């Protein structure tokens, strides 16, 4: 959100590589998987928990709290702030 205007940007993953994946598991684990154009990957492992309409995600010493704007069987939409900038991310469920 810039100057109270929502600006939409497609996520850019590495050219030629598979799409990156964010695995949010029911047991509180979260894996952020980045695929590179040589099809190698890097996995960041962390933990998450939900309290009310907020989700807290921790990777190593980085902690991010986001408000859950939408949660359905197929969509997770989060709103969070970094410094004074507001971000909204939408995730789509790939498997059941």
N, C-alpha and C. Protein backbone atom coordinates (compact mmCIF):
# COMPACT_ATOMS: atom_id res chain seq x y z
N UNK A 1 0.86 -1.15 0.00
CA UNK A 1 0.00 0.00 0.00
C UNK A 1 0.91 1.22 0.00
N UNK A 2 0.77 2.06 -1.03
CA UNK A 2 1.58 3.26 -1.17
C UNK A 2 0.64 4.44 -1.31
N UNK A 3 0.78 5.44 -0.45
CA UNK A 3 -0.10 6.62 -0.47
C UNK A 3 -1.57 6.22 -0.48
N UNK A 4 -1.91 5.27 0.39
CA UNK A 4 -3.28 4.75 0.50
C UNK A 4 -3.80 4.09 -0.77
N UNK A 5 -2.92 3.75 -1.67
CA UNK A 5 -3.27 3.05 -2.91
C UNK A 5 -2.65 1.65 -2.85
N UNK A 6 -3.45 0.64 -3.18
CA UNK A 6 -2.93 -0.72 -3.20
C UNK A 6 -2.21 -0.94 -4.52
N UNK A 7 -0.95 -1.34 -4.43
CA UNK A 7 -0.14 -1.65 -5.61
C UNK A 7 0.08 -3.16 -5.62
N UNK A 8 -0.28 -3.82 -6.69
CA UNK A 8 -0.13 -5.27 -6.79
C UNK A 8 1.11 -5.63 -7.58
N UNK A 9 1.86 -6.59 -7.06
CA UNK A 9 3.06 -7.07 -7.72
C UNK A 9 3.04 -8.58 -7.69
N UNK A 10 3.33 -9.21 -8.82
CA UNK A 10 3.49 -10.66 -8.85
C UNK A 10 4.82 -11.01 -8.19
N UNK A 11 4.82 -12.10 -7.46
CA UNK A 11 6.06 -12.59 -6.85
C UNK A 11 6.99 -13.08 -7.95
N UNK A 12 8.24 -12.68 -7.89
CA UNK A 12 9.23 -13.08 -8.89
C UNK A 12 10.12 -14.19 -8.34
N UNK A 13 9.96 -15.40 -8.86
CA UNK A 13 10.86 -16.47 -8.48
C UNK A 13 11.95 -16.59 -9.53
N UNK A 14 12.98 -17.36 -9.25
CA UNK A 14 14.13 -17.48 -10.15
C UNK A 14 13.70 -17.97 -11.52
N UNK A 15 14.17 -17.30 -12.54
CA UNK A 15 13.84 -17.68 -13.91
C UNK A 15 14.31 -19.10 -14.19
N UNK A 16 13.44 -19.90 -14.76
CA UNK A 16 13.80 -21.26 -15.12
C UNK A 16 13.65 -22.25 -14.00
N UNK A 17 13.47 -21.78 -12.78
CA UNK A 17 13.31 -22.68 -11.64
C UNK A 17 11.85 -22.95 -11.36
N UNK A 18 11.60 -23.87 -10.46
CA UNK A 18 10.23 -24.15 -10.05
C UNK A 18 9.73 -22.99 -9.19
N UNK A 19 8.42 -22.93 -9.01
CA UNK A 19 7.88 -21.88 -8.15
C UNK A 19 8.26 -22.16 -6.71
N UNK A 20 8.54 -21.09 -5.97
CA UNK A 20 8.89 -21.21 -4.56
C UNK A 20 7.66 -21.63 -3.77
N UNK A 21 7.88 -22.24 -2.60
CA UNK A 21 6.79 -22.79 -1.81
C UNK A 21 6.94 -22.36 -0.36
N UNK A 22 5.83 -22.00 0.27
CA UNK A 22 5.78 -21.76 1.70
C UNK A 22 4.90 -22.86 2.29
N UNK A 23 5.50 -23.76 3.06
CA UNK A 23 4.76 -24.85 3.70
C UNK A 23 4.41 -24.43 5.12
N UNK A 24 3.12 -24.37 5.41
CA UNK A 24 2.66 -24.07 6.76
C UNK A 24 2.01 -25.35 7.28
N UNK A 25 2.65 -26.00 8.21
CA UNK A 25 2.18 -27.30 8.68
C UNK A 25 1.36 -27.15 9.96
N UNK A 26 0.41 -28.06 10.14
CA UNK A 26 -0.51 -28.02 11.29
C UNK A 26 0.23 -28.14 12.62
N UNK A 27 1.41 -28.74 12.64
CA UNK A 27 2.15 -28.94 13.88
C UNK A 27 2.96 -27.72 14.32
N UNK A 28 2.81 -26.58 13.63
CA UNK A 28 3.53 -25.36 14.00
C UNK A 28 4.83 -25.15 13.27
N UNK A 29 5.19 -26.06 12.38
CA UNK A 29 6.40 -25.88 11.57
C UNK A 29 6.06 -25.09 10.31
N UNK A 30 7.05 -24.33 9.83
CA UNK A 30 6.90 -23.60 8.57
C UNK A 30 8.21 -23.73 7.80
N UNK A 31 8.12 -23.99 6.51
CA UNK A 31 9.28 -24.11 5.63
C UNK A 31 9.11 -23.16 4.46
N UNK A 32 10.10 -22.30 4.27
CA UNK A 32 10.11 -21.38 3.13
C UNK A 32 11.13 -21.94 2.15
N UNK A 33 10.66 -22.45 1.02
CA UNK A 33 11.52 -23.17 0.07
C UNK A 33 11.71 -22.33 -1.19
N UNK A 34 12.97 -21.98 -1.46
CA UNK A 34 13.32 -21.22 -2.66
C UNK A 34 13.99 -22.14 -3.66
N UNK A 35 13.49 -22.14 -4.89
CA UNK A 35 14.08 -22.94 -5.95
C UNK A 35 14.85 -22.01 -6.88
N UNK A 36 16.06 -22.43 -7.25
CA UNK A 36 16.91 -21.63 -8.12
C UNK A 36 16.82 -22.16 -9.55
N UNK A 37 17.35 -21.40 -10.51
CA UNK A 37 17.21 -21.77 -11.91
C UNK A 37 17.97 -23.05 -12.27
N UNK A 38 18.86 -23.54 -11.42
CA UNK A 38 19.49 -24.84 -11.68
C UNK A 38 18.73 -25.96 -10.97
N UNK A 39 17.50 -25.64 -10.48
CA UNK A 39 16.60 -26.54 -9.76
C UNK A 39 17.13 -27.00 -8.41
N UNK A 40 18.20 -26.36 -7.92
CA UNK A 40 18.60 -26.59 -6.53
C UNK A 40 17.66 -25.76 -5.66
N UNK A 41 17.68 -26.00 -4.38
CA UNK A 41 16.77 -25.27 -3.50
C UNK A 41 17.44 -24.91 -2.18
N UNK A 42 16.84 -23.97 -1.49
CA UNK A 42 17.26 -23.56 -0.16
C UNK A 42 16.01 -23.56 0.72
N UNK A 43 16.10 -24.20 1.88
CA UNK A 43 14.95 -24.28 2.77
C UNK A 43 15.26 -23.53 4.06
N UNK A 44 14.40 -22.57 4.38
CA UNK A 44 14.47 -21.90 5.68
C UNK A 44 13.39 -22.54 6.55
N UNK A 45 13.79 -23.06 7.70
CA UNK A 45 12.84 -23.72 8.60
C UNK A 45 12.54 -22.81 9.78
N UNK A 46 11.26 -22.80 10.17
CA UNK A 46 10.88 -21.96 11.28
C UNK A 46 9.66 -22.52 11.99
N UNK A 47 9.06 -21.69 12.82
CA UNK A 47 7.86 -22.06 13.56
C UNK A 47 6.83 -20.95 13.43
N UNK A 48 5.56 -21.32 13.65
CA UNK A 48 4.48 -20.34 13.59
C UNK A 48 3.44 -20.69 14.64
N UNK A 49 2.66 -19.67 15.03
CA UNK A 49 1.47 -19.90 15.84
C UNK A 49 0.46 -18.81 15.55
N UNK A 50 -0.80 -19.16 15.78
CA UNK A 50 -1.92 -18.26 15.51
C UNK A 50 -2.58 -17.91 16.83
N UNK A 51 -2.88 -16.64 17.00
CA UNK A 51 -3.61 -16.17 18.17
C UNK A 51 -4.63 -15.15 17.69
N UNK A 52 -5.91 -15.49 17.81
CA UNK A 52 -6.95 -14.60 17.29
C UNK A 52 -6.81 -14.47 15.79
N UNK A 53 -6.79 -13.24 15.31
CA UNK A 53 -6.64 -12.97 13.87
C UNK A 53 -5.20 -12.67 13.49
N UNK A 54 -4.24 -13.10 14.31
CA UNK A 54 -2.84 -12.82 14.04
C UNK A 54 -2.03 -14.10 13.97
N UNK A 55 -1.04 -14.10 13.08
CA UNK A 55 -0.11 -15.21 12.96
C UNK A 55 1.29 -14.65 13.22
N UNK A 56 2.05 -15.38 14.02
CA UNK A 56 3.43 -15.02 14.30
C UNK A 56 4.31 -16.09 13.69
N UNK A 57 5.29 -15.65 12.88
CA UNK A 57 6.20 -16.56 12.19
C UNK A 57 7.62 -16.21 12.62
N UNK A 58 8.41 -17.24 12.93
CA UNK A 58 9.79 -17.03 13.36
C UNK A 58 10.73 -17.91 12.56
N UNK A 59 11.70 -17.29 11.89
CA UNK A 59 12.79 -17.97 11.21
C UNK A 59 14.07 -17.51 11.89
N UNK A 60 14.81 -18.41 12.51
CA UNK A 60 16.01 -18.05 13.27
C UNK A 60 15.68 -16.93 14.25
N UNK A 61 16.31 -15.79 14.12
CA UNK A 61 16.06 -14.68 15.04
C UNK A 61 15.12 -13.63 14.44
N UNK A 62 14.51 -13.92 13.30
CA UNK A 62 13.58 -12.99 12.66
C UNK A 62 12.15 -13.38 12.99
N UNK A 63 11.41 -12.44 13.58
CA UNK A 63 10.02 -12.69 13.95
C UNK A 63 9.14 -11.68 13.23
N UNK A 64 8.07 -12.16 12.61
CA UNK A 64 7.11 -11.30 11.91
C UNK A 64 5.71 -11.64 12.38
N UNK A 65 4.96 -10.61 12.75
CA UNK A 65 3.56 -10.78 13.13
C UNK A 65 2.72 -10.18 12.02
N UNK A 66 1.69 -10.92 11.59
CA UNK A 66 0.82 -10.44 10.51
C UNK A 66 -0.63 -10.66 10.91
N UNK A 67 -1.48 -9.77 10.42
CA UNK A 67 -2.92 -9.93 10.63
C UNK A 67 -3.49 -10.79 9.52
N UNK A 68 -4.33 -11.74 9.89
CA UNK A 68 -4.99 -12.59 8.91
C UNK A 68 -6.21 -11.83 8.40
N UNK A 69 -6.16 -11.44 7.12
CA UNK A 69 -7.24 -10.68 6.49
C UNK A 69 -8.28 -11.62 5.90
N UNK A 70 -7.81 -12.75 5.36
CA UNK A 70 -8.70 -13.75 4.77
C UNK A 70 -8.12 -15.13 5.02
N UNK A 71 -8.96 -16.06 5.43
CA UNK A 71 -8.56 -17.44 5.62
C UNK A 71 -9.70 -18.33 5.17
N UNK A 72 -9.44 -19.13 4.14
CA UNK A 72 -10.44 -20.06 3.63
C UNK A 72 -9.74 -21.38 3.30
N UNK A 73 -10.45 -22.31 2.73
CA UNK A 73 -9.87 -23.60 2.36
C UNK A 73 -8.79 -23.45 1.29
N UNK A 74 -8.82 -22.36 0.53
CA UNK A 74 -7.87 -22.20 -0.58
C UNK A 74 -6.98 -20.97 -0.48
N UNK A 75 -7.28 -20.03 0.41
CA UNK A 75 -6.58 -18.74 0.42
C UNK A 75 -6.19 -18.31 1.83
N UNK A 76 -4.98 -17.79 1.95
CA UNK A 76 -4.52 -17.12 3.16
C UNK A 76 -4.01 -15.76 2.74
N UNK A 77 -4.64 -14.71 3.25
CA UNK A 77 -4.21 -13.34 2.94
C UNK A 77 -3.76 -12.68 4.24
N UNK A 78 -2.51 -12.18 4.23
CA UNK A 78 -1.92 -11.57 5.41
C UNK A 78 -1.61 -10.11 5.17
N UNK A 79 -1.73 -9.32 6.23
CA UNK A 79 -1.37 -7.89 6.20
C UNK A 79 -0.35 -7.66 7.30
N UNK A 80 0.77 -7.01 6.96
CA UNK A 80 1.80 -6.74 7.96
C UNK A 80 2.53 -5.46 7.60
N UNK A 81 3.32 -4.96 8.55
CA UNK A 81 4.06 -3.72 8.37
C UNK A 81 5.55 -3.98 8.52
N UNK A 82 6.33 -3.34 7.67
CA UNK A 82 7.78 -3.28 7.82
C UNK A 82 8.12 -1.80 7.79
N UNK A 83 8.68 -1.34 8.90
CA UNK A 83 8.88 0.09 9.13
C UNK A 83 7.53 0.76 8.99
N UNK A 84 7.37 1.70 8.11
CA UNK A 84 6.08 2.37 7.96
C UNK A 84 5.31 1.92 6.72
N UNK A 85 5.81 0.87 6.06
CA UNK A 85 5.15 0.39 4.85
C UNK A 85 4.24 -0.79 5.18
N UNK A 86 3.05 -0.77 4.60
CA UNK A 86 2.08 -1.84 4.79
C UNK A 86 2.16 -2.80 3.61
N UNK A 87 2.19 -4.11 3.92
CA UNK A 87 2.26 -5.14 2.89
C UNK A 87 1.08 -6.08 3.03
N UNK A 88 0.59 -6.57 1.91
CA UNK A 88 -0.45 -7.59 1.89
C UNK A 88 0.04 -8.71 0.98
N UNK A 89 0.06 -9.93 1.52
CA UNK A 89 0.47 -11.09 0.73
C UNK A 89 -0.68 -12.08 0.68
N UNK A 90 -0.87 -12.67 -0.48
CA UNK A 90 -1.91 -13.68 -0.66
C UNK A 90 -1.24 -15.00 -1.05
N UNK A 91 -1.60 -16.06 -0.32
CA UNK A 91 -1.08 -17.39 -0.58
C UNK A 91 -2.24 -18.28 -1.01
N UNK A 92 -1.98 -19.13 -1.99
CA UNK A 92 -2.97 -20.08 -2.49
C UNK A 92 -2.56 -21.49 -2.09
N UNK A 93 -3.52 -22.29 -1.66
CA UNK A 93 -3.26 -23.67 -1.26
C UNK A 93 -3.05 -24.52 -2.51
N UNK A 94 -1.98 -25.31 -2.51
CA UNK A 94 -1.64 -26.13 -3.67
C UNK A 94 -2.11 -27.56 -3.53
N UNK A 95 -2.12 -28.10 -2.31
CA UNK A 95 -2.52 -29.49 -2.08
C UNK A 95 -3.43 -29.56 -0.87
N UNK A 96 -4.22 -30.61 -0.80
CA UNK A 96 -5.10 -30.80 0.36
C UNK A 96 -4.41 -31.55 1.46
